[in-house]
Amino acid sequence: MTELDTDQRKRCFDELFRQHVAGVASYCRWRSGSPTDAQDAVGEVFLIAWRRLDDVPSGEAARAWLYATARGVMANQARADARRSRLRERLRADQIAGADDEQLTDRVRDALAALGPRDREVLLLAEWEGLTPAEIAVVLQRPAVSVRSRLHRARRRFRAAYEGVAGTPARLSTSPHIAPTPSRTNTFS
């Protein structure tokens, strides 16, 4: 189509819509997952046709152009639906993990609160800050051998406090800084 003035554009679009809306709507209904998606697709197709009216071929070629446009719109809807579905699954998984993480965080916080300040300090330096016993020794200005002993005792006390809070044996992830012993698989053993 050639450049049209406003009145000509309206008449041309109205005629295009009148001739092809039923066919485009039928095509969208059988390709769509829901009546609402089909209606949205039809609206989008004719919005595109209005915006690109100068690109719409005349005569019977307009029908094929509209169907090709509908096909693209439906493909975009399917991709958007797939993205939304993946996002919902991810959010659902995060919510479930978040609930578990929140419970774990509360238990750890309560167990740490039950410890004395010296035990809490050495544990947090090791587990939270990721310092080695030698580094903790520098921070606390104590011999490394003393820090290792203190850390070991603090872990035992933490485990007992955690089990008291949780009512079950502690099952915490292993710290990258401390190798677990074969009989224990948690960080604060």
Foldseek 3Di string as FASTA:
>chain_A
DDDDDPVVLVVLLVVLCVVALVVQLVLLVVLDPDNVLSVVLSVVLSVVCSVVVVVQDDDPSNNVVSNVSSVVSSVVVVVVVVVVVVVVVVVVVCVVVVVVVVVVVVLLVQLLVPDDPLLSVLCCCCAVVVDALVVVCVVVVHDSVVSVVSLLVSLVSSQVSSCVSVVHGDDAADGPRDDDDPVDGHHSD
